[in-house]
Amino acid sequence: MGDVELIASKLKLIPDFPKKGILFRDIFGIFQDPLAVEALVTHIVHHLLSSGLPKIDVVVGLDARGFLIGPMIAVRLGAAFVPVRKAGKLPGECIKVAYEKEYGQDFFEMQVGAVKQGQNVIVLDDLIATGGSAKAAGELVAKLGGKVAEYVFFIELTVLDGKKNLDAPTYSIIKLDD
């Protein structure tokens, strides 16, 4: 079994979560299998190193699933890891942006100075649906002077076409059309 098939086999489908009519993709089965975690990290690192992107200086992980493998990817790339969190969760001086969710507005923050002028950044999250949270993370990176080289996701819900809302190329390991 290849790495993509292994990763996909660990996803669990949870109907009507977090609300009726939603078919939730639960990624936590991946983290119950060390081989699947290794496949996920290695797949993303290989993609980043072989796709012609500039050297990545910073891996930005979105709250909270981007935190699960973001630091591992950053270490393998020789890059820093920077978390993007919901408002009020980070210490120190932060910058903030608003983004739209399916049920209203929310806010993301990043610590001032976490990304430096001119640094090349990847933004990492588990899933892209509408692209709102990834776009907000990209806006934070830009406010601090960084440049998003690519947005990277474990899963893409292609029917929602969220990547059209982003300002840099995207890469998704698993593409689902439902």
N, C-alpha and C. Protein backbone atom coordinates (compact mmCIF):
# COMPACT_ATOMS: atom_id res chain seq x y z
N MET A 1 0.85 -1.18 0.00
CA MET A 1 0.00 0.00 0.00
C MET A 1 0.89 1.24 0.00
N GLY A 2 0.59 2.19 -0.88
CA GLY A 2 1.34 3.43 -0.94
C GLY A 2 0.99 4.37 0.21
N ASP A 3 1.76 5.44 0.33
CA ASP A 3 1.56 6.34 1.46
C ASP A 3 0.20 7.04 1.42
N VAL A 4 -0.25 7.47 0.25
CA VAL A 4 -1.55 8.14 0.16
C VAL A 4 -2.67 7.17 0.54
N GLU A 5 -2.58 5.95 0.06
CA GLU A 5 -3.60 4.95 0.39
C GLU A 5 -3.60 4.64 1.89
N LEU A 6 -2.41 4.54 2.48
CA LEU A 6 -2.31 4.28 3.92
C LEU A 6 -2.96 5.42 4.71
N ILE A 7 -2.61 6.65 4.36
CA ILE A 7 -3.17 7.81 5.05
C ILE A 7 -4.69 7.83 4.90
N ALA A 8 -5.17 7.65 3.68
CA ALA A 8 -6.61 7.68 3.42
C ALA A 8 -7.35 6.58 4.18
N SER A 9 -6.71 5.42 4.32
CA SER A 9 -7.36 4.30 5.01
C SER A 9 -7.58 4.57 6.49
N LYS A 10 -6.88 5.53 7.04
CA LYS A 10 -6.99 5.84 8.47
C LYS A 10 -8.04 6.91 8.77
N LEU A 11 -8.59 7.54 7.74
CA LEU A 11 -9.63 8.54 7.94
C LEU A 11 -10.94 7.86 8.32
N LYS A 12 -11.64 8.46 9.26
CA LYS A 12 -12.94 7.94 9.66
C LYS A 12 -14.00 8.96 9.26
N LEU A 13 -15.11 8.49 8.76
CA LEU A 13 -16.22 9.35 8.39
C LEU A 13 -17.24 9.34 9.52
N ILE A 14 -17.56 10.52 10.02
CA ILE A 14 -18.50 10.67 11.14
C ILE A 14 -19.70 11.48 10.62
N PRO A 15 -20.86 10.83 10.42
CA PRO A 15 -22.02 11.57 9.92
C PRO A 15 -22.61 12.51 10.99
N ASP A 16 -23.16 13.60 10.49
CA ASP A 16 -23.88 14.57 11.33
C ASP A 16 -23.03 15.15 12.46
N PHE A 17 -21.75 15.42 12.16
CA PHE A 17 -20.86 16.06 13.13
C PHE A 17 -20.11 17.17 12.42
N PRO A 18 -19.99 18.35 12.97
CA PRO A 18 -20.47 18.81 14.27
C PRO A 18 -21.95 19.19 14.28
N LYS A 19 -22.60 19.12 13.09
CA LYS A 19 -24.04 19.37 13.07
C LYS A 19 -24.68 18.51 11.99
N LYS A 20 -25.97 18.35 12.06
CA LYS A 20 -26.71 17.51 11.13
C LYS A 20 -26.42 17.92 9.68
N GLY A 21 -26.19 16.92 8.84
CA GLY A 21 -25.94 17.15 7.42
C GLY A 21 -24.47 17.23 7.05
N ILE A 22 -23.59 17.29 8.02
CA ILE A 22 -22.14 17.35 7.77
C ILE A 22 -21.56 15.94 7.89
N LEU A 23 -20.76 15.56 6.90
CA LEU A 23 -20.00 14.30 6.97
C LEU A 23 -18.57 14.67 7.33
N PHE A 24 -18.23 14.50 8.59
CA PHE A 24 -16.94 14.93 9.14
C PHE A 24 -15.85 13.93 8.81
N ARG A 25 -14.69 14.43 8.38
CA ARG A 25 -13.51 13.59 8.13
C ARG A 25 -12.62 13.65 9.36
N ASP A 26 -12.59 12.57 10.11
CA ASP A 26 -11.81 12.50 11.35
C ASP A 26 -10.41 11.99 11.02
N ILE A 27 -9.40 12.84 11.24
CA ILE A 27 -8.01 12.50 10.92
C ILE A 27 -7.29 11.77 12.04
N PHE A 28 -7.91 11.67 13.21
CA PHE A 28 -7.17 11.16 14.37
C PHE A 28 -6.80 9.69 14.25
N GLY A 29 -7.43 8.94 13.37
CA GLY A 29 -7.00 7.57 13.11
C GLY A 29 -5.57 7.51 12.58
N ILE A 30 -5.16 8.54 11.85
CA ILE A 30 -3.77 8.61 11.36
C ILE A 30 -2.80 8.57 12.53
N PHE A 31 -3.13 9.31 13.59
CA PHE A 31 -2.21 9.46 14.71
C PHE A 31 -2.21 8.27 15.66
N GLN A 32 -3.07 7.30 15.39
CA GLN A 32 -3.08 6.06 16.15
C GLN A 32 -2.17 5.01 15.51
N ASP A 33 -1.55 5.38 14.38
CA ASP A 33 -0.66 4.47 13.65
C ASP A 33 0.64 5.21 13.33
N PRO A 34 1.73 4.89 14.04
CA PRO A 34 2.99 5.60 13.81
C PRO A 34 3.47 5.53 12.35
N LEU A 35 3.20 4.44 11.66
CA LEU A 35 3.60 4.33 10.26
C LEU A 35 2.82 5.33 9.40
N ALA A 36 1.54 5.51 9.70
CA ALA A 36 0.73 6.48 8.96
C ALA A 36 1.21 7.91 9.21
N VAL A 37 1.58 8.21 10.45
CA VAL A 37 2.12 9.54 10.76
C VAL A 37 3.42 9.76 9.98
N GLU A 38 4.29 8.78 9.99
CA GLU A 38 5.55 8.89 9.25
C GLU A 38 5.28 9.08 7.75
N ALA A 39 4.32 8.33 7.22
CA ALA A 39 3.97 8.47 5.80
C ALA A 39 3.47 9.88 5.50
N LEU A 40 2.65 10.42 6.38
CA LEU A 40 2.10 11.76 6.19
C LEU A 40 3.22 12.81 6.20
N VAL A 41 4.06 12.77 7.21
CA VAL A 41 5.15 13.74 7.33
C VAL A 41 6.12 13.61 6.15
N THR A 42 6.53 12.40 5.85
CA THR A 42 7.49 12.17 4.76
C THR A 42 6.90 12.59 3.42
N HIS A 43 5.64 12.30 3.19
CA HIS A 43 5.00 12.68 1.94
C HIS A 43 5.03 14.20 1.76
N ILE A 44 4.66 14.93 2.80
CA ILE A 44 4.64 16.39 2.70
C ILE A 44 6.05 16.95 2.53
N VAL A 45 7.00 16.46 3.30
CA VAL A 45 8.38 16.94 3.19
C VAL A 45 8.93 16.65 1.79
N HIS A 46 8.70 15.45 1.29
CA HIS A 46 9.17 15.11 -0.06
C HIS A 46 8.57 16.05 -1.09
N HIS A 47 7.27 16.29 -0.99
CA HIS A 47 6.62 17.23 -1.91
C HIS A 47 7.29 18.60 -1.85
N LEU A 48 7.48 19.12 -0.65
CA LEU A 48 8.05 20.46 -0.50
C LEU A 48 9.47 20.56 -1.05
N LEU A 49 10.26 19.52 -0.85
CA LEU A 49 11.65 19.55 -1.30
C LEU A 49 11.81 19.25 -2.79
N SER A 50 10.80 18.65 -3.41
CA SER A 50 10.95 18.25 -4.81
C SER A 50 10.10 19.06 -5.78
N SER A 51 9.37 20.06 -5.28
CA SER A 51 8.42 20.76 -6.15
C SER A 51 8.93 22.10 -6.68
N GLY A 52 10.18 22.43 -6.43
CA GLY A 52 10.74 23.67 -6.96
C GLY A 52 10.41 24.91 -6.14
N LEU A 53 9.86 24.72 -4.96
CA LEU A 53 9.59 25.86 -4.09
C LEU A 53 10.90 26.43 -3.57
N PRO A 54 10.90 27.72 -3.20
CA PRO A 54 12.11 28.26 -2.56
C PRO A 54 12.31 27.58 -1.21
N LYS A 55 13.50 27.75 -0.63
CA LYS A 55 13.74 27.18 0.71
C LYS A 55 12.71 27.75 1.67
N ILE A 56 12.09 26.85 2.40
CA ILE A 56 11.05 27.26 3.36
C ILE A 56 11.72 27.65 4.68
N ASP A 57 11.42 28.86 5.13
CA ASP A 57 11.97 29.38 6.38
C ASP A 57 11.05 29.11 7.57
N VAL A 58 9.74 29.08 7.31
CA VAL A 58 8.75 28.97 8.39
C VAL A 58 7.61 28.06 7.95
N VAL A 59 7.22 27.17 8.85
CA VAL A 59 5.99 26.38 8.70
C VAL A 59 4.98 26.98 9.65
N VAL A 60 3.87 27.48 9.11
CA VAL A 60 2.79 28.04 9.91
C VAL A 60 1.71 26.97 10.02
N GLY A 61 1.38 26.58 11.25
CA GLY A 61 0.35 25.58 11.49
C GLY A 61 -0.89 26.22 12.06
N LEU A 62 -2.05 25.87 11.49
CA LEU A 62 -3.31 26.43 11.95
C LEU A 62 -3.86 25.67 13.14
N ASP A 63 -4.48 26.42 14.02
CA ASP A 63 -5.12 25.92 15.24
C ASP A 63 -6.23 24.96 14.84
N ALA A 64 -6.19 23.77 15.30
CA ALA A 64 -5.23 23.11 16.14
C ALA A 64 -4.58 21.95 15.40
N ARG A 65 -5.20 21.46 14.33
CA ARG A 65 -4.66 20.27 13.68
C ARG A 65 -3.36 20.53 12.93
N GLY A 66 -3.12 21.77 12.54
CA GLY A 66 -1.83 22.10 11.94
C GLY A 66 -0.68 22.00 12.92
N PHE A 67 -1.02 21.95 14.22
CA PHE A 67 0.01 21.80 15.25
C PHE A 67 0.50 20.35 15.35
N LEU A 68 -0.29 19.40 14.87
CA LEU A 68 0.02 17.99 15.07
C LEU A 68 1.28 17.53 14.33
N ILE A 69 1.44 18.00 13.09
CA ILE A 69 2.65 17.59 12.35
C ILE A 69 3.50 18.77 11.90
N GLY A 70 3.00 19.99 12.09
CA GLY A 70 3.76 21.17 11.68
C GLY A 70 5.16 21.22 12.25
N PRO A 71 5.33 21.00 13.56
CA PRO A 71 6.70 21.02 14.11
C PRO A 71 7.60 19.93 13.53
N MET A 72 7.05 18.75 13.25
CA MET A 72 7.87 17.68 12.66
C MET A 72 8.33 18.05 11.26
N ILE A 73 7.44 18.64 10.49
CA ILE A 73 7.80 19.07 9.13
C ILE A 73 8.83 20.19 9.20
N ALA A 74 8.63 21.13 10.11
CA ALA A 74 9.58 22.24 10.25
C ALA A 74 10.98 21.73 10.59
N VAL A 75 11.08 20.80 11.51
CA VAL A 75 12.39 20.25 11.89
C VAL A 75 13.07 19.61 10.68
N ARG A 76 12.32 18.84 9.92
CA ARG A 76 12.91 18.17 8.75
C ARG A 76 13.33 19.14 7.66
N LEU A 77 12.68 20.29 7.61
CA LEU A 77 13.04 21.31 6.62
C LEU A 77 14.10 22.27 7.13
N GLY A 78 14.45 22.19 8.41
CA GLY A 78 15.36 23.17 9.00
C GLY A 78 14.71 24.54 9.10
N ALA A 79 13.40 24.53 9.35
CA ALA A 79 12.62 25.76 9.40
C ALA A 79 12.05 25.97 10.80
N ALA A 80 11.57 27.18 11.03
CA ALA A 80 10.87 27.50 12.28
C ALA A 80 9.43 27.01 12.18
N PHE A 81 8.80 26.80 13.34
CA PHE A 81 7.36 26.53 13.38
C PHE A 81 6.68 27.68 14.09
N VAL A 82 5.58 28.17 13.49
CA VAL A 82 4.82 29.28 14.06
C VAL A 82 3.35 28.88 14.10
N PRO A 83 2.74 28.94 15.29
CA PRO A 83 1.32 28.63 15.38
C PRO A 83 0.44 29.85 15.07
N VAL A 84 -0.69 29.58 14.43
CA VAL A 84 -1.76 30.56 14.28
C VAL A 84 -2.89 30.05 15.16
N ARG A 85 -3.33 30.91 16.08
CA ARG A 85 -4.34 30.47 17.06
C ARG A 85 -5.56 31.36 17.02
N LYS A 86 -6.61 30.86 17.59
CA LYS A 86 -7.81 31.67 17.76
C LYS A 86 -7.47 32.82 18.72
N ALA A 87 -8.17 33.92 18.57
CA ALA A 87 -7.89 35.13 19.34
C ALA A 87 -7.87 34.86 20.84
N GLY A 88 -6.87 35.46 21.49
CA GLY A 88 -6.76 35.38 22.94
C GLY A 88 -6.00 34.18 23.47
N LYS A 89 -5.46 33.35 22.61
CA LYS A 89 -4.78 32.12 23.05
C LYS A 89 -3.26 32.22 23.05
N LEU A 90 -2.70 33.25 22.41
CA LEU A 90 -1.24 33.40 22.36
C LEU A 90 -0.79 34.49 23.32
N PRO A 91 0.34 34.28 24.00
CA PRO A 91 0.88 35.32 24.88
C PRO A 91 1.61 36.40 24.06
N GLY A 92 1.79 37.53 24.68
CA GLY A 92 2.58 38.60 24.07
C GLY A 92 1.79 39.38 23.03
N GLU A 93 2.52 40.25 22.33
CA GLU A 93 1.91 41.10 21.32
C GLU A 93 1.57 40.27 20.08
N CYS A 94 0.33 40.41 19.61
CA CYS A 94 -0.14 39.64 18.46
C CYS A 94 -0.81 40.55 17.44
N ILE A 95 -0.83 40.08 16.20
CA ILE A 95 -1.65 40.71 15.17
C ILE A 95 -2.86 39.81 14.95
N LYS A 96 -3.94 40.41 14.47
CA LYS A 96 -5.21 39.69 14.37
C LYS A 96 -5.86 39.95 13.01
N VAL A 97 -6.52 38.92 12.47
CA VAL A 97 -7.36 39.07 11.29
C VAL A 97 -8.67 38.32 11.52
N ALA A 98 -9.72 38.85 10.89
CA ALA A 98 -11.03 38.20 10.94
C ALA A 98 -11.18 37.28 9.74
N TYR A 99 -11.97 36.24 9.91
CA TYR A 99 -12.33 35.38 8.79
C TYR A 99 -13.73 34.85 8.99
N GLU A 100 -14.36 34.49 7.88
CA GLU A 100 -15.74 34.01 7.92
C GLU A 100 -15.77 32.50 8.03
N LYS A 101 -16.61 32.03 8.93
CA LYS A 101 -16.87 30.60 9.06
C LYS A 101 -18.31 30.36 8.62
N GLU A 102 -18.68 29.10 8.52
CA GLU A 102 -20.03 28.78 8.05
C GLU A 102 -21.12 29.33 8.97
N TYR A 103 -20.76 29.64 10.22
CA TYR A 103 -21.77 30.13 11.16
C TYR A 103 -21.42 31.49 11.75
N GLY A 104 -20.56 32.25 11.08
CA GLY A 104 -20.24 33.59 11.57
C GLY A 104 -18.77 33.91 11.47
N GLN A 105 -18.39 35.00 12.09
CA GLN A 105 -17.02 35.49 12.02
C GLN A 105 -16.18 34.97 13.19
N ASP A 106 -14.90 34.73 12.93
CA ASP A 106 -13.95 34.36 13.97
C ASP A 106 -12.66 35.12 13.72
N PHE A 107 -11.69 34.97 14.63
CA PHE A 107 -10.44 35.71 14.51
C PHE A 107 -9.26 34.77 14.73
N PHE A 108 -8.21 34.98 13.96
CA PHE A 108 -6.94 34.29 14.14
C PHE A 108 -5.89 35.31 14.55
N GLU A 109 -4.90 34.84 15.33
CA GLU A 109 -3.78 35.69 15.73
C GLU A 109 -2.46 34.97 15.51
N MET A 110 -1.42 35.79 15.37
CA MET A 110 -0.04 35.33 15.28
C MET A 110 0.82 36.30 16.07
N GLN A 111 1.83 35.80 16.75
CA GLN A 111 2.71 36.66 17.53
C GLN A 111 3.53 37.57 16.62
N VAL A 112 3.63 38.83 17.01
CA VAL A 112 4.44 39.80 16.29
C VAL A 112 5.89 39.32 16.29
N GLY A 113 6.54 39.37 15.13
CA GLY A 113 7.93 38.95 15.01
C GLY A 113 8.12 37.47 14.73
N ALA A 114 7.05 36.68 14.74
CA ALA A 114 7.19 35.24 14.51
C ALA A 114 7.61 34.94 13.08
N VAL A 115 7.17 35.75 12.14
CA VAL A 115 7.59 35.67 10.74
C VAL A 115 8.32 36.96 10.43
N LYS A 116 9.46 36.85 9.81
CA LYS A 116 10.29 38.02 9.50
C LYS A 116 10.12 38.44 8.04
N GLN A 117 10.43 39.69 7.78
CA GLN A 117 10.36 40.26 6.43
C GLN A 117 11.10 39.37 5.43
N GLY A 118 10.41 39.00 4.35
CA GLY A 118 11.03 38.25 3.27
C GLY A 118 11.09 36.74 3.46
N GLN A 119 10.67 36.23 4.59
CA GLN A 119 10.74 34.78 4.80
C GLN A 119 9.71 34.05 3.94
N ASN A 120 10.12 32.86 3.46
CA ASN A 120 9.24 31.98 2.71
C ASN A 120 8.52 31.05 3.67
N VAL A 121 7.20 30.96 3.51
CA VAL A 121 6.35 30.29 4.47
C VAL A 121 5.46 29.27 3.76
N ILE A 122 5.23 28.14 4.42
CA ILE A 122 4.10 27.29 4.03
C ILE A 122 3.07 27.38 5.14
N VAL A 123 1.81 27.36 4.74
CA VAL A 123 0.69 27.34 5.68
C VAL A 123 0.13 25.92 5.64
N LEU A 124 0.02 25.30 6.81
CA LEU A 124 -0.36 23.89 6.92
C LEU A 124 -1.63 23.73 7.75
N ASP A 125 -2.58 22.96 7.20
CA ASP A 125 -3.79 22.61 7.95
C ASP A 125 -4.24 21.23 7.49
N ASP A 126 -5.16 20.66 8.25
CA ASP A 126 -5.61 19.32 7.92
C ASP A 126 -6.54 19.30 6.72
N LEU A 127 -7.39 20.32 6.57
CA LEU A 127 -8.43 20.27 5.54
C LEU A 127 -8.69 21.65 4.98
N ILE A 128 -8.91 21.72 3.66
CA ILE A 128 -9.39 22.95 3.05
C ILE A 128 -10.80 22.69 2.54
N ALA A 129 -11.71 23.54 3.02
CA ALA A 129 -13.09 23.52 2.55
C ALA A 129 -13.31 24.81 1.76
N THR A 130 -13.73 25.87 2.43
CA THR A 130 -13.96 27.16 1.76
C THR A 130 -12.68 27.98 1.63
N GLY A 131 -11.65 27.64 2.40
CA GLY A 131 -10.39 28.37 2.36
C GLY A 131 -10.31 29.56 3.28
N GLY A 132 -11.35 29.83 4.06
CA GLY A 132 -11.38 31.02 4.91
C GLY A 132 -10.29 31.07 5.96
N SER A 133 -10.07 29.97 6.67
CA SER A 133 -9.05 29.99 7.73
C SER A 133 -7.65 30.05 7.14
N ALA A 134 -7.41 29.34 6.05
CA ALA A 134 -6.09 29.39 5.41
C ALA A 134 -5.82 30.80 4.87
N LYS A 135 -6.82 31.41 4.28
CA LYS A 135 -6.67 32.78 3.77
C LYS A 135 -6.31 33.73 4.90
N ALA A 136 -6.96 33.58 6.05
CA ALA A 136 -6.66 34.43 7.21
C ALA A 136 -5.22 34.24 7.65
N ALA A 137 -4.75 32.99 7.67
CA ALA A 137 -3.35 32.73 8.04
C ALA A 137 -2.40 33.39 7.05
N GLY A 138 -2.73 33.32 5.77
CA GLY A 138 -1.91 33.98 4.75
C GLY A 138 -1.86 35.49 4.94
N GLU A 139 -2.98 36.07 5.35
CA GLU A 139 -3.02 37.51 5.62
C GLU A 139 -2.12 37.87 6.80
N LEU A 140 -2.09 37.03 7.82
CA LEU A 140 -1.20 37.27 8.96
C LEU A 140 0.26 37.22 8.52
N VAL A 141 0.61 36.22 7.72
CA VAL A 141 1.98 36.10 7.20
C VAL A 141 2.35 37.36 6.43
N ALA A 142 1.47 37.82 5.55
CA ALA A 142 1.75 39.01 4.74
C ALA A 142 1.90 40.26 5.61
N LYS A 143 1.08 40.40 6.65
CA LYS A 143 1.18 41.56 7.55
C LYS A 143 2.54 41.64 8.22
N LEU A 144 3.17 40.49 8.44
CA LEU A 144 4.49 40.47 9.07
C LEU A 144 5.62 40.50 8.04
N GLY A 145 5.28 40.57 6.75
CA GLY A 145 6.30 40.69 5.72
C GLY A 145 6.76 39.39 5.11
N GLY A 146 6.15 38.29 5.47
CA GLY A 146 6.50 36.99 4.88
C GLY A 146 5.76 36.76 3.58
N LYS A 147 6.17 35.70 2.87
CA LYS A 147 5.53 35.35 1.60
C LYS A 147 5.11 33.89 1.67
N VAL A 148 3.83 33.63 1.46
CA VAL A 148 3.35 32.25 1.42
C VAL A 148 3.79 31.62 0.11
N ALA A 149 4.64 30.60 0.21
CA ALA A 149 5.09 29.87 -0.98
C ALA A 149 4.05 28.84 -1.40
N GLU A 150 3.35 28.26 -0.41
CA GLU A 150 2.33 27.25 -0.72
C GLU A 150 1.47 27.01 0.52
N TYR A 151 0.22 26.65 0.26
CA TYR A 151 -0.71 26.18 1.29
C TYR A 151 -0.77 24.67 1.16
N VAL A 152 -0.60 23.95 2.27
CA VAL A 152 -0.54 22.49 2.26
C VAL A 152 -1.63 21.92 3.17
N PHE A 153 -2.36 20.94 2.64
CA PHE A 153 -3.47 20.33 3.37
C PHE A 153 -3.39 18.81 3.29
N PHE A 154 -3.87 18.14 4.33
CA PHE A 154 -4.00 16.69 4.27
C PHE A 154 -5.12 16.34 3.29
N ILE A 155 -6.25 17.07 3.39
CA ILE A 155 -7.47 16.76 2.64
C ILE A 155 -8.01 18.04 2.00
N GLU A 156 -8.50 17.89 0.77
CA GLU A 156 -9.18 18.99 0.08
C GLU A 156 -10.59 18.54 -0.30
N LEU A 157 -11.59 19.34 0.06
CA LEU A 157 -12.96 19.12 -0.39
C LEU A 157 -13.12 19.90 -1.69
N THR A 158 -12.89 19.23 -2.82
CA THR A 158 -12.79 19.92 -4.11
C THR A 158 -14.09 20.61 -4.52
N VAL A 159 -15.22 20.07 -4.12
CA VAL A 159 -16.51 20.63 -4.52
C VAL A 159 -16.67 22.07 -4.02
N LEU A 160 -16.00 22.43 -2.91
CA LEU A 160 -16.11 23.78 -2.36
C LEU A 160 -15.11 24.75 -2.98
N ASP A 161 -14.10 24.23 -3.69
CA ASP A 161 -13.13 25.05 -4.44
C ASP A 161 -12.51 26.16 -3.60
N GLY A 162 -12.17 25.85 -2.34
CA GLY A 162 -11.59 26.84 -1.44
C GLY A 162 -10.26 27.41 -1.89
N LYS A 163 -9.53 26.66 -2.71
CA LYS A 163 -8.21 27.16 -3.13
C LYS A 163 -8.31 28.41 -3.99
N LYS A 164 -9.47 28.65 -4.60
CA LYS A 164 -9.64 29.87 -5.41
C LYS A 164 -9.54 31.13 -4.56
N ASN A 165 -9.72 30.99 -3.25
CA ASN A 165 -9.66 32.14 -2.34
C ASN A 165 -8.26 32.43 -1.81
N LEU A 166 -7.29 31.62 -2.21
CA LEU A 166 -5.94 31.74 -1.66
C LEU A 166 -5.01 32.44 -2.65
N ASP A 167 -3.95 33.04 -2.12
CA ASP A 167 -3.04 33.86 -2.91
C ASP A 167 -1.74 33.16 -3.31
N ALA A 168 -1.69 31.85 -3.14
CA ALA A 168 -0.50 31.08 -3.50
C ALA A 168 -0.96 29.68 -3.90
N PRO A 169 -0.09 28.90 -4.53
CA PRO A 169 -0.48 27.54 -4.91
C PRO A 169 -0.86 26.70 -3.69
N THR A 170 -1.62 25.65 -3.95
CA THR A 170 -2.02 24.72 -2.89
C THR A 170 -1.55 23.32 -3.25
N TYR A 171 -1.38 22.50 -2.20
CA TYR A 171 -1.10 21.08 -2.38
C TYR A 171 -1.93 20.32 -1.36
N SER A 172 -2.67 19.33 -1.84
CA SER A 172 -3.48 18.48 -0.97
C SER A 172 -3.13 17.03 -1.26
N ILE A 173 -2.95 16.25 -0.21
CA ILE A 173 -2.61 14.85 -0.39
C ILE A 173 -3.82 14.06 -0.87
N ILE A 174 -4.96 14.29 -0.25
CA ILE A 174 -6.18 13.56 -0.58
C ILE A 174 -7.23 14.56 -1.05
N LYS A 175 -7.79 14.31 -2.23
CA LYS A 175 -8.84 15.20 -2.78
C LYS A 175 -10.14 14.42 -2.80
N LEU A 176 -11.15 15.01 -2.14
CA LEU A 176 -12.46 14.39 -2.06
C LEU A 176 -13.47 15.28 -2.76
N ASP A 177 -14.35 14.69 -3.53
CA ASP A 177 -15.33 15.49 -4.27
C ASP A 177 -16.75 15.37 -3.70
N ASP A 178 -16.84 14.92 -2.44
CA ASP A 178 -18.17 14.84 -1.83
C ASP A 178 -18.19 15.54 -0.48
